């Protein structure tokens, strides 16, 4: 499970952050893939990762996800409504990697 916080805006000036996931069969999926819905469940809340940013609902969904993932000790990931795995985040690593959430927002 990888959170991709890009530093390069698209042609419209939006940062197209995304999530990548390597499945059990070594297939990699991305939140940008057509026909792929990635949902992260943490603390009994679902966070659907938007396929693109630069629109209100997508930006709000991404902000909610990125704001809460740093607090999650454990989370489940679903791809197209099928559980793909459970992940446990080391608190120190999470704080180190996500210490600058502003770098991964779409402001």
PDB file of N, CA and C in Angstrom:
ATOM      1  N   UNK A   1       0.857  -1.167   0.000  1.00  0.00           N
ATOM      2  CA  UNK A   1       0.000   0.000   0.000  1.00  0.00           C
ATOM      3  C   UNK A   1       0.897   1.223   0.000  1.00  0.00           C
ATOM      4  N   UNK A   2       0.768   2.047  -1.013  1.00  0.00           N
ATOM      5  CA  UNK A   2       1.619   3.227  -1.146  1.00  0.00           C
ATOM      6  C   UNK A   2       0.769   4.457  -1.412  1.00  0.00           C
ATOM      7  N   UNK A   3       1.029   5.505  -0.656  1.00  0.00           N
ATOM      8  CA  UNK A   3       0.394   6.796  -0.900  1.00  0.00           C
ATOM      9  C   UNK A   3       1.360   7.606  -1.757  1.00  0.00           C
ATOM     10  N   UNK A   4       0.893   8.057  -2.908  1.00  0.00           N
ATOM     11  CA  UNK A   4       1.722   8.830  -3.824  1.00  0.00           C
ATOM     12  C   UNK A   4       1.325  10.302  -3.745  1.00  0.00           C
ATOM     13  N   UNK A   5       2.184  11.100  -3.142  1.00  0.00           N
ATOM     14  CA  UNK A   5       1.953  12.544  -3.043  1.00  0.00           C
ATOM     15  C   UNK A   5       2.840  13.228  -4.077  1.00  0.00           C
ATOM     16  N   UNK A   6       2.277  13.533  -5.214  1.00  0.00           N
ATOM     17  CA  UNK A   6       3.056  14.105  -6.307  1.00  0.00           C
ATOM     18  C   UNK A   6       3.357  15.580  -6.056  1.00  0.00           C
ATOM     19  N   UNK A   7       4.491  16.013  -6.545  1.00  0.00           N
ATOM     20  CA  UNK A   7       4.866  17.418  -6.433  1.00  0.00           C
ATOM     21  C   UNK A   7       4.704  18.160  -7.738  1.00  0.00           C
ATOM     22  N   UNK A   8       4.192  17.467  -8.750  1.00  0.00           N
ATOM     23  CA  UNK A   8       4.024  18.069 -10.072  1.00  0.00           C
ATOM     24  C   UNK A   8       2.549  18.196 -10.411  1.00  0.00           C
ATOM     25  N   UNK A   9       2.054  19.415 -10.569  1.00  0.00           N
ATOM     26  CA  UNK A   9       0.637  19.579 -10.915  1.00  0.00           C
ATOM     27  C   UNK A   9       0.362  19.158 -12.358  1.00  0.00           C
ATOM     28  N   UNK A  10      -0.909  18.812 -12.604  1.00  0.00           N
ATOM     29  CA  UNK A  10      -1.312  18.477 -13.970  1.00  0.00           C
ATOM     30  C   UNK A  10      -1.478  19.765 -14.784  1.00  0.00           C
ATOM     31  N   UNK A  11      -1.948  19.646 -16.019  1.00  0.00           N
ATOM     32  CA  UNK A  11      -2.081  20.799 -16.904  1.00  0.00           C
ATOM     33  C   UNK A  11      -3.065  21.842 -16.385  1.00  0.00           C
ATOM     34  N   UNK A  12      -3.937  21.446 -15.447  1.00  0.00           N
ATOM     35  CA  UNK A  12      -4.898  22.384 -14.868  1.00  0.00           C
ATOM     36  C   UNK A  12      -4.433  22.939 -13.527  1.00  0.00           C
ATOM     37  N   UNK A  13      -3.227  22.564 -13.103  1.00  0.00           N
ATOM     38  CA  UNK A  13      -2.677  23.082 -11.855  1.00  0.00           C
ATOM     39  C   UNK A  13      -3.046  22.286 -10.622  1.00  0.00           C
ATOM     40  N   UNK A  14      -3.600  21.083 -10.803  1.00  0.00           N
ATOM     41  CA  UNK A  14      -3.998  20.256  -9.665  1.00  0.00           C
ATOM     42  C   UNK A  14      -2.981  19.148  -9.431  1.00  0.00           C
ATOM     43  N   UNK A  15      -2.738  18.863  -8.173  1.00  0.00           N
ATOM     44  CA  UNK A  15      -1.855  17.762  -7.800  1.00  0.00           C
ATOM     45  C   UNK A  15      -2.676  16.479  -7.784  1.00  0.00           C
ATOM     46  N   UNK A  16      -2.326  15.536  -8.634  1.00  0.00           N
ATOM     47  CA  UNK A  16      -3.098  14.298  -8.761  1.00  0.00           C
ATOM     48  C   UNK A  16      -2.496  13.204  -7.876  1.00  0.00           C
ATOM     49  N   UNK A  17      -2.612  13.404  -6.552  1.00  0.00           N
ATOM     50  CA  UNK A  17      -2.149  12.403  -5.598  1.00  0.00           C
ATOM     51  C   UNK A  17      -2.949  11.117  -5.808  1.00  0.00           C
ATOM     52  N   UNK A  18      -2.392  10.008  -5.353  1.00  0.00           N
ATOM     53  CA  UNK A  18      -3.073   8.736  -5.575  1.00  0.00           C
ATOM     54  C   UNK A  18      -2.608   7.689  -4.582  1.00  0.00           C
ATOM     55  N   UNK A  19      -3.205   6.513  -4.700  1.00  0.00           N
ATOM     56  CA  UNK A  19      -2.842   5.359  -3.890  1.00  0.00           C
ATOM     57  C   UNK A  19      -2.529   4.212  -4.842  1.00  0.00           C
ATOM     58  N   UNK A  20      -1.463   3.477  -4.538  1.00  0.00           N
ATOM     59  CA  UNK A  20      -1.097   2.266  -5.269  1.00  0.00           C
ATOM     60  C   UNK A  20      -1.167   1.091  -4.315  1.00  0.00           C
ATOM     61  N   UNK A  21      -1.525  -0.049  -4.842  1.00  0.00           N
ATOM     62  CA  UNK A  21      -1.607  -1.253  -4.028  1.00  0.00           C
ATOM     63  C   UNK A  21      -1.162  -2.446  -4.862  1.00  0.00           C
ATOM     64  N   UNK A  22      -0.264  -3.247  -4.294  1.00  0.00           N
ATOM     65  CA  UNK A  22       0.134  -4.495  -4.933  1.00  0.00           C
ATOM     66  C   UNK A  22      -0.696  -5.610  -4.326  1.00  0.00           C
ATOM     67  N   UNK A  23      -1.454  -6.298  -5.167  1.00  0.00           N
ATOM     68  CA  UNK A  23      -2.343  -7.367  -4.715  1.00  0.00           C
ATOM     69  C   UNK A  23      -1.562  -8.662  -4.501  1.00  0.00           C
ATOM     70  N   UNK A  24      -2.221  -9.650  -3.937  1.00  0.00           N
ATOM     71  CA  UNK A  24      -1.585 -10.935  -3.620  1.00  0.00           C
ATOM     72  C   UNK A  24      -0.989 -11.618  -4.851  1.00  0.00           C
ATOM     73  N   UNK A  25      -1.577 -11.397  -6.028  1.00  0.00           N
ATOM     74  CA  UNK A  25      -1.056 -12.016  -7.257  1.00  0.00           C
ATOM     75  C   UNK A  25       0.004 -11.144  -7.946  1.00  0.00           C
ATOM     76  N   UNK A  26       0.540 -10.164  -7.211  1.00  0.00           N
ATOM     77  CA  UNK A  26       1.558  -9.219  -7.685  1.00  0.00           C
ATOM     78  C   UNK A  26       1.039  -8.225  -8.717  1.00  0.00           C
ATOM     79  N   UNK A  27      -0.256  -8.184  -8.940  1.00  0.00           N
ATOM     80  CA  UNK A  27      -0.840  -7.175  -9.819  1.00  0.00           C
ATOM     81  C   UNK A  27      -0.891  -5.856  -9.047  1.00  0.00           C
ATOM     82  N   UNK A  28      -0.514  -4.767  -9.715  1.00  0.00           N
ATOM     83  CA  UNK A  28      -0.568  -3.462  -9.078  1.00  0.00           C
ATOM     84  C   UNK A  28      -1.795  -2.709  -9.578  1.00  0.00           C
ATOM     85  N   UNK A  29      -2.516  -2.096  -8.646  1.00  0.00           N
ATOM     86  CA  UNK A  29      -3.662  -1.268  -9.000  1.00  0.00           C
ATOM     87  C   UNK A  29      -3.432   0.133  -8.450  1.00  0.00           C
ATOM     88  N   UNK A  30      -4.068   1.088  -9.078  1.00  0.00           N
ATOM     89  CA  UNK A  30      -3.945   2.487  -8.691  1.00  0.00           C
ATOM     90  C   UNK A  30      -5.332   3.094  -8.574  1.00  0.00           C
ATOM     91  N   UNK A  31      -5.437   4.090  -7.720  1.00  0.00           N
ATOM     92  CA  UNK A  31      -6.713   4.795  -7.613  1.00  0.00           C
ATOM     93  C   UNK A  31      -7.031   5.540  -8.906  1.00  0.00           C
ATOM     94  N   UNK A  32      -6.059   5.745  -9.776  1.00  0.00           N
ATOM     95  CA  UNK A  32      -6.290   6.388 -11.075  1.00  0.00           C
ATOM     96  C   UNK A  32      -6.798   5.418 -12.139  1.00  0.00           C
ATOM     97  N   UNK A  33      -6.731   4.116 -11.882  1.00  0.00           N
ATOM     98  CA  UNK A  33      -7.154   3.122 -12.874  1.00  0.00           C
ATOM     99  C   UNK A  33      -8.654   3.205 -13.145  1.00  0.00           C
ATOM    100  N   UNK A  34      -9.010   3.081 -14.414  1.00  0.00           N
ATOM    101  CA  UNK A  34     -10.427   2.980 -14.767  1.00  0.00           C
ATOM    102  C   UNK A  34     -10.981   1.697 -14.164  1.00  0.00           C
ATOM    103  N   UNK A  35     -12.210   1.725 -13.746  1.00  0.00           N
ATOM    104  CA  UNK A  35     -12.904   0.558 -13.195  1.00  0.00           C
ATOM    105  C   UNK A  35     -12.261   0.005 -11.928  1.00  0.00           C
ATOM    106  N   UNK A  36     -11.510   0.836 -11.194  1.00  0.00           N
ATOM    107  CA  UNK A  36     -10.930   0.411  -9.921  1.00  0.00           C
ATOM    108  C   UNK A  36     -11.354   1.389  -8.840  1.00  0.00           C
ATOM    109  N   UNK A  37     -11.988   0.859  -7.808  1.00  0.00           N
ATOM    110  CA  UNK A  37     -12.358   1.669  -6.657  1.00  0.00           C
ATOM    111  C   UNK A  37     -11.600   1.144  -5.453  1.00  0.00           C
ATOM    112  N   UNK A  38     -10.797   2.009  -4.853  1.00  0.00           N
ATOM    113  CA  UNK A  38     -10.040   1.641  -3.660  1.00  0.00           C
ATOM    114  C   UNK A  38     -10.676   2.336  -2.470  1.00  0.00           C
ATOM    115  N   UNK A  39     -11.024   1.534  -1.475  1.00  0.00           N
ATOM    116  CA  UNK A  39     -11.639   2.044  -0.253  1.00  0.00           C
ATOM    117  C   UNK A  39     -10.772   1.643   0.927  1.00  0.00           C
ATOM    118  N   UNK A  40     -10.479   2.607   1.782  1.00  0.00           N
ATOM    119  CA  UNK A  40      -9.709   2.354   2.998  1.00  0.00           C
ATOM    120  C   UNK A  40     -10.668   2.476   4.172  1.00  0.00           C
ATOM    121  N   UNK A  41     -10.644   1.475   5.054  1.00  0.00           N
ATOM    122  CA  UNK A  41     -11.507   1.489   6.238  1.00  0.00           C
ATOM    123  C   UNK A  41     -10.614   1.603   7.463  1.00  0.00           C
ATOM    124  N   UNK A  42     -10.823   2.675   8.224  1.00  0.00           N
ATOM    125  CA  UNK A  42     -10.090   2.871   9.468  1.00  0.00           C
ATOM    126  C   UNK A  42     -11.055   3.384  10.515  1.00  0.00           C
ATOM    127  N   UNK A  43     -10.939   2.823  11.696  1.00  0.00           N
ATOM    128  CA  UNK A  43     -11.809   3.208  12.812  1.00  0.00           C
ATOM    129  C   UNK A  43     -13.281   3.192  12.412  1.00  0.00           C
ATOM    130  N   UNK A  44     -13.681   2.157  11.692  1.00  0.00           N
ATOM    131  CA  UNK A  44     -15.073   1.934  11.274  1.00  0.00           C
ATOM    132  C   UNK A  44     -15.591   3.013  10.326  1.00  0.00           C
ATOM    133  N   UNK A  45     -14.698   3.747   9.683  1.00  0.00           N
ATOM    134  CA  UNK A  45     -15.077   4.765   8.701  1.00  0.00           C
ATOM    135  C   UNK A  45     -14.499   4.378   7.344  1.00  0.00           C
ATOM    136  N   UNK A  46     -15.294   4.561   6.299  1.00  0.00           N
ATOM    137  CA  UNK A  46     -14.844   4.259   4.940  1.00  0.00           C
ATOM    138  C   UNK A  46     -14.344   5.528   4.257  1.00  0.00           C
ATOM    139  N   UNK A  47     -13.215   5.400   3.578  1.00  0.00           N
ATOM    140  CA  UNK A  47     -12.641   6.501   2.816  1.00  0.00           C
ATOM    141  C   UNK A  47     -12.416   5.999   1.390  1.00  0.00           C
ATOM    142  N   UNK A  48     -13.268   6.435   0.480  1.00  0.00           N
ATOM    143  CA  UNK A  48     -13.119   6.049  -0.918  1.00  0.00           C
ATOM    144  C   UNK A  48     -12.090   6.991  -1.541  1.00  0.00           C
ATOM    145  N   UNK A  49     -11.055   6.405  -2.114  1.00  0.00           N
ATOM    146  CA  UNK A  49      -9.991   7.201  -2.710  1.00  0.00           C
ATOM    147  C   UNK A  49     -10.466   7.686  -4.079  1.00  0.00           C
ATOM    148  N   UNK A  50     -10.502   9.006  -4.290  1.00  0.00           N
ATOM    149  CA  UNK A  50     -10.998   9.511  -5.578  1.00  0.00           C
ATOM    150  C   UNK A  50     -10.052   9.162  -6.725  1.00  0.00           C
ATOM    151  N   UNK A  51     -10.627   8.971  -7.904  1.00  0.00           N
ATOM    152  CA  UNK A  51      -9.818   8.624  -9.075  1.00  0.00           C
ATOM    153  C   UNK A  51      -9.047   9.822  -9.617  1.00  0.00           C
ATOM    154  N   UNK A  52      -9.512  11.016  -9.288  1.00  0.00           N
ATOM    155  CA  UNK A  52      -8.809  12.230  -9.703  1.00  0.00           C
ATOM    156  C   UNK A  52      -9.125  13.339  -8.709  1.00  0.00           C
ATOM    157  N   UNK A  53      -8.312  14.365  -8.746  1.00  0.00           N
ATOM    158  CA  UNK A  53      -8.522  15.527  -7.886  1.00  0.00           C
ATOM    159  C   UNK A  53      -8.762  16.747  -8.760  1.00  0.00           C
ATOM    160  N   UNK A  54      -9.164  17.842  -8.113  1.00  0.00           N
ATOM    161  CA  UNK A  54      -9.458  19.060  -8.852  1.00  0.00           C
ATOM    162  C   UNK A  54     -10.945  19.322  -8.958  1.00  0.00           C
ATOM    163  N   UNK A  55     -11.735  18.524  -8.267  1.00  0.00           N
ATOM    164  CA  UNK A  55     -13.184  18.728  -8.176  1.00  0.00           C
ATOM    165  C   UNK A  55     -13.559  18.597  -6.704  1.00  0.00           C
ATOM    166  N   UNK A  56     -14.589  19.294  -6.302  1.00  0.00           N
ATOM    167  CA  UNK A  56     -14.897  19.453  -4.884  1.00  0.00           C
ATOM    168  C   UNK A  56     -15.013  18.134  -4.125  1.00  0.00           C
ATOM    169  N   UNK A  57     -15.836  17.213  -4.590  1.00  0.00           N
ATOM    170  CA  UNK A  57     -16.021  15.955  -3.861  1.00  0.00           C
ATOM    171  C   UNK A  57     -14.733  15.143  -3.803  1.00  0.00           C
ATOM    172  N   UNK A  58     -13.990  15.115  -4.899  1.00  0.00           N
ATOM    173  CA  UNK A  58     -12.720  14.393  -4.915  1.00  0.00           C
ATOM    174  C   UNK A  58     -11.713  14.998  -3.957  1.00  0.00           C
ATOM    175  N   UNK A  59     -11.590  16.319  -3.987  1.00  0.00           N
ATOM    176  CA  UNK A  59     -10.655  17.002  -3.084  1.00  0.00           C
ATOM    177  C   UNK A  59     -11.043  16.789  -1.628  1.00  0.00           C
ATOM    178  N   UNK A  60     -12.338  16.866  -1.324  1.00  0.00           N
ATOM    179  CA  UNK A  60     -12.800  16.646   0.052  1.00  0.00           C
ATOM    180  C   UNK A  60     -12.534  15.214   0.506  1.00  0.00           C
ATOM    181  N   UNK A  61     -12.785  14.244  -0.373  1.00  0.00           N
ATOM    182  CA  UNK A  61     -12.556  12.837  -0.029  1.00  0.00           C
ATOM    183  C   UNK A  61     -11.072  12.589   0.223  1.00  0.00           C
ATOM    184  N   UNK A  62     -10.208  13.139  -0.632  1.00  0.00           N
ATOM    185  CA  UNK A  62      -8.763  12.965  -0.448  1.00  0.00           C
ATOM    186  C   UNK A  62      -8.309  13.613   0.863  1.00  0.00           C
ATOM    187  N   UNK A  63      -8.779  14.830   1.133  1.00  0.00           N
ATOM    188  CA  UNK A  63      -8.389  15.527   2.361  1.00  0.00           C
ATOM    189  C   UNK A  63      -8.808  14.731   3.592  1.00  0.00           C
ATOM    190  N   UNK A  64     -10.031  14.204   3.600  1.00  0.00           N
ATOM    191  CA  UNK A  64     -10.494  13.389   4.730  1.00  0.00           C
ATOM    192  C   UNK A  64      -9.608  12.165   4.914  1.00  0.00           C
ATOM    193  N   UNK A  65      -9.284  11.485   3.818  1.00  0.00           N
ATOM    194  CA  UNK A  65      -8.433  10.299   3.881  1.00  0.00           C
ATOM    195  C   UNK A  65      -7.049  10.644   4.415  1.00  0.00           C
ATOM    196  N   UNK A  66      -6.387  11.617   3.810  1.00  0.00           N
ATOM    197  CA  UNK A  66      -5.000  11.915   4.164  1.00  0.00           C
ATOM    198  C   UNK A  66      -4.905  12.496   5.572  1.00  0.00           C
ATOM    199  N   UNK A  67      -5.948  13.168   6.028  1.00  0.00           N
ATOM    200  CA  UNK A  67      -5.951  13.713   7.388  1.00  0.00           C
ATOM    201  C   UNK A  67      -6.095  12.625   8.436  1.00  0.00           C
ATOM    202  N   UNK A  68      -6.762  11.542   8.101  1.00  0.00           N
ATOM    203  CA  UNK A  68      -7.032  10.485   9.074  1.00  0.00           C
ATOM    204  C   UNK A  68      -6.067   9.309   9.013  1.00  0.00           C
ATOM    205  N   UNK A  69      -5.427   9.078   7.890  1.00  0.00           N
ATOM    206  CA  UNK A  69      -4.543   7.916   7.765  1.00  0.00           C
ATOM    207  C   UNK A  69      -3.361   8.017   8.726  1.00  0.00           C
ATOM    208  N   UNK A  70      -2.928   9.225   9.032  1.00  0.00           N
ATOM    209  CA  UNK A  70      -1.782   9.382   9.926  1.00  0.00           C
ATOM    210  C   UNK A  70      -2.108   8.980  11.357  1.00  0.00           C
ATOM    211  N   UNK A  71      -3.372   8.907  11.688  1.00  0.00           N
ATOM    212  CA  UNK A  71      -3.795   8.528  13.035  1.00  0.00           C
ATOM    213  C   UNK A  71      -4.162   7.053  13.151  1.00  0.00           C
ATOM    214  N   UNK A  72      -4.240   6.372  12.026  1.00  0.00           N
ATOM    215  CA  UNK A  72      -4.687   4.972  12.033  1.00  0.00           C
ATOM    216  C   UNK A  72      -3.530   4.041  12.373  1.00  0.00           C
ATOM    217  N   UNK A  73      -3.737   3.190  13.343  1.00  0.00           N
ATOM    218  CA  UNK A  73      -2.742   2.178  13.655  1.00  0.00           C
ATOM    219  C   UNK A  73      -2.884   0.977  12.737  1.00  0.00           C
ATOM    220  N   UNK A  74      -4.121   0.733  12.319  1.00  0.00           N
ATOM    221  CA  UNK A  74      -4.410  -0.393  11.441  1.00  0.00           C
ATOM    222  C   UNK A  74      -5.557   0.005  10.522  1.00  0.00           C
ATOM    223  N   UNK A  75      -5.526  -0.505   9.288  1.00  0.00           N
ATOM    224  CA  UNK A  75      -6.605  -0.195   8.361  1.00  0.00           C
ATOM    225  C   UNK A  75      -6.758  -1.328   7.358  1.00  0.00           C
ATOM    226  N   UNK A  76      -7.958  -1.453   6.823  1.00  0.00           N
ATOM    227  CA  UNK A  76      -8.272  -2.447   5.800  1.00  0.00           C
ATOM    228  C   UNK A  76      -8.397  -1.736   4.462  1.00  0.00           C
ATOM    229  N   UNK A  77      -8.012  -2.428   3.405  1.00  0.00           N
ATOM    230  CA  UNK A  77      -8.115  -1.876   2.058  1.00  0.00           C
ATOM    231  C   UNK A  77      -8.973  -2.810   1.212  1.00  0.00           C
ATOM    232  N   UNK A  78      -9.923  -2.220   0.515  1.00  0.00           N
ATOM    233  CA  UNK A  78     -10.813  -2.956  -0.381  1.00  0.00           C
ATOM    234  C   UNK A  78     -10.610  -2.442  -1.799  1.00  0.00           C
ATOM    235  N   UNK A  79     -10.596  -3.362  -2.752  1.00  0.00           N
ATOM    236  CA  UNK A  79     -10.529  -3.017  -4.167  1.00  0.00           C
ATOM    237  C   UNK A  79     -11.791  -3.558  -4.813  1.00  0.00           C
ATOM    238  N   UNK A  80     -12.591  -2.642  -5.351  1.00  0.00           N
ATOM    239  CA  UNK A  80     -13.877  -3.010  -5.959  1.00  0.00           C
ATOM    240  C   UNK A  80     -14.708  -3.870  -5.009  1.00  0.00           C
ATOM    241  N   UNK A  81     -14.794  -3.435  -3.769  1.00  0.00           N
ATOM    242  CA  UNK A  81     -15.605  -4.064  -2.716  1.00  0.00           C
ATOM    243  C   UNK A  81     -15.108  -5.429  -2.264  1.00  0.00           C
ATOM    244  N   UNK A  82     -13.889  -5.820  -2.633  1.00  0.00           N
ATOM    245  CA  UNK A  82     -13.294  -7.076  -2.171  1.00  0.00           C
ATOM    246  C   UNK A  82     -12.092  -6.742  -1.296  1.00  0.00           C
ATOM    247  N   UNK A  83     -12.050  -7.338  -0.116  1.00  0.00           N
ATOM    248  CA  UNK A  83     -10.954  -7.034   0.799  1.00  0.00           C
ATOM    249  C   UNK A  83      -9.623  -7.475   0.194  1.00  0.00           C
ATOM    250  N   UNK A  84      -8.687  -6.524   0.119  1.00  0.00           N
ATOM    251  CA  UNK A  84      -7.369  -6.800  -0.449  1.00  0.00           C
ATOM    252  C   UNK A  84      -6.324  -7.010   0.633  1.00  0.00           C
ATOM    253  N   UNK A  85      -6.603  -6.522   1.846  1.00  0.00           N
ATOM    254  CA  UNK A  85      -5.625  -6.725   2.906  1.00  0.00           C
ATOM    255  C   UNK A  85      -5.861  -5.838   4.103  1.00  0.00           C
ATOM    256  N   UNK A  86      -5.161  -6.183   5.167  1.00  0.00           N
ATOM    257  CA  UNK A  86      -5.154  -5.401   6.396  1.00  0.00           C
ATOM    258  C   UNK A  86      -3.725  -4.937   6.620  1.00  0.00           C
ATOM    259  N   UNK A  87      -3.564  -3.677   6.933  1.00  0.00           N
ATOM    260  CA  UNK A  87      -2.243  -3.092   7.100  1.00  0.00           C
ATOM    261  C   UNK A  87      -2.116  -2.490   8.492  1.00  0.00           C
ATOM    262  N   UNK A  88      -0.936  -2.645   9.067  1.00  0.00           N
ATOM    263  CA  UNK A  88      -0.631  -2.061  10.365  1.00  0.00           C
ATOM    264  C   UNK A  88       0.483  -1.051  10.156  1.00  0.00           C
ATOM    265  N   UNK A  89       0.246   0.158  10.612  1.00  0.00           N
ATOM    266  CA  UNK A  89       1.229   1.225  10.440  1.00  0.00           C
ATOM    267  C   UNK A  89       1.981   1.449  11.742  1.00  0.00           C
ATOM    268  N   UNK A  90       3.290   1.507  11.640  1.00  0.00           N
ATOM    269  CA  UNK A  90       4.122   1.854  12.777  1.00  0.00           C
ATOM    270  C   UNK A  90       3.961   3.352  13.040  1.00  0.00           C
ATOM    271  N   UNK A  91       3.622   3.706  14.258  1.00  0.00           N
ATOM    272  CA  UNK A  91       3.322   5.103  14.594  1.00  0.00           C
ATOM    273  C   UNK A  91       4.488   6.041  14.253  1.00  0.00           C
ATOM    274  N   UNK A  92       5.713   5.672  14.605  1.00  0.00           N
ATOM    275  CA  UNK A  92       6.863   6.546  14.322  1.00  0.00           C
ATOM    276  C   UNK A  92       7.081   6.714  12.823  1.00  0.00           C
ATOM    277  N   UNK A  93       6.924   5.638  12.072  1.00  0.00           N
ATOM    278  CA  UNK A  93       7.084   5.723  10.628  1.00  0.00           C
ATOM    279  C   UNK A  93       6.001   6.606  10.019  1.00  0.00           C
ATOM    280  N   UNK A  94       4.778   6.443  10.492  1.00  0.00           N
ATOM    281  CA  UNK A  94       3.670   7.255   9.983  1.00  0.00           C
ATOM    282  C   UNK A  94       3.923   8.729  10.245  1.00  0.00           C
ATOM    283  N   UNK A  95       4.360   9.056  11.457  1.00  0.00           N
ATOM    284  CA  UNK A  95       4.634  10.455  11.791  1.00  0.00           C
ATOM    285  C   UNK A  95       5.755  11.016  10.923  1.00  0.00           C
ATOM    286  N   UNK A  96       6.771  10.209  10.668  1.00  0.00           N
ATOM    287  CA  UNK A  96       7.900  10.647   9.845  1.00  0.00           C
ATOM    288  C   UNK A  96       7.469  10.889   8.404  1.00  0.00           C
ATOM    289  N   UNK A  97       6.758   9.934   7.839  1.00  0.00           N
ATOM    290  CA  UNK A  97       6.381  10.014   6.431  1.00  0.00           C
ATOM    291  C   UNK A  97       5.294  11.057   6.192  1.00  0.00           C
ATOM    292  N   UNK A  98       4.332  11.134   7.093  1.00  0.00           N
ATOM    293  CA  UNK A  98       3.197  12.042   6.890  1.00  0.00           C
ATOM    294  C   UNK A  98       3.267  13.279   7.780  1.00  0.00           C
ATOM    295  N   UNK A  99       4.462  13.678   8.173  1.00  0.00           N
ATOM    296  CA  UNK A  99       4.589  14.833   9.065  1.00  0.00           C
ATOM    297  C   UNK A  99       4.194  16.131   8.380  1.00  0.00           C
ATOM    298  N   UNK A 100       4.293  16.177   7.077  1.00  0.00           N
ATOM    299  CA  UNK A 100       3.931  17.385   6.340  1.00  0.00           C
ATOM    300  C   UNK A 100       2.740  17.079   5.440  1.00  0.00           C
ATOM    301  N   UNK A 101       1.582  16.956   6.049  1.00  0.00           N
ATOM    302  CA  UNK A 101       0.376  16.620   5.284  1.00  0.00           C
ATOM    303  C   UNK A 101       0.057  17.653   4.214  1.00  0.00           C
ATOM    304  N   UNK A 102       0.517  18.878   4.412  1.00  0.00           N
ATOM    305  CA  UNK A 102       0.283  19.903   3.407  1.00  0.00           C
ATOM    306  C   UNK A 102       0.860  19.530   2.055  1.00  0.00           C
ATOM    307  N   UNK A 103       1.937  18.726   2.070  1.00  0.00           N
ATOM    308  CA  UNK A 103       2.546  18.281   0.819  1.00  0.00           C
ATOM    309  C   UNK A 103       1.658  17.296   0.071  1.00  0.00           C
ATOM    310  N   UNK A 104       0.652  16.769   0.752  1.00  0.00           N
ATOM    311  CA  UNK A 104      -0.191  15.748   0.140  1.00  0.00           C
ATOM    312  C   UNK A 104      -1.651  16.191   0.074  1.00  0.00           C
ATOM    313  N   UNK A 105      -1.879  17.488   0.195  1.00  0.00           N
ATOM    314  CA  UNK A 105      -3.242  17.993   0.047  1.00  0.00           C
ATOM    315  C   UNK A 105      -3.363  18.590  -1.352  1.00  0.00           C
ATOM    316  N   UNK A 106      -4.481  19.170  -1.652  1.00  0.00           N
ATOM    317  CA  UNK A 106      -4.666  19.751  -2.983  1.00  0.00           C
ATOM    318  C   UNK A 106      -5.050  21.221  -2.879  1.00  0.00           C
ATOM    319  N   UNK A 107      -4.404  21.892  -1.920  1.00  0.00           N
ATOM    320  CA  UNK A 107      -4.696  23.319  -1.715  1.00  0.00           C
ATOM    321  C   UNK A 107      -4.002  24.183  -2.740  1.00  0.00           C
TER     322      UNK A 107
END
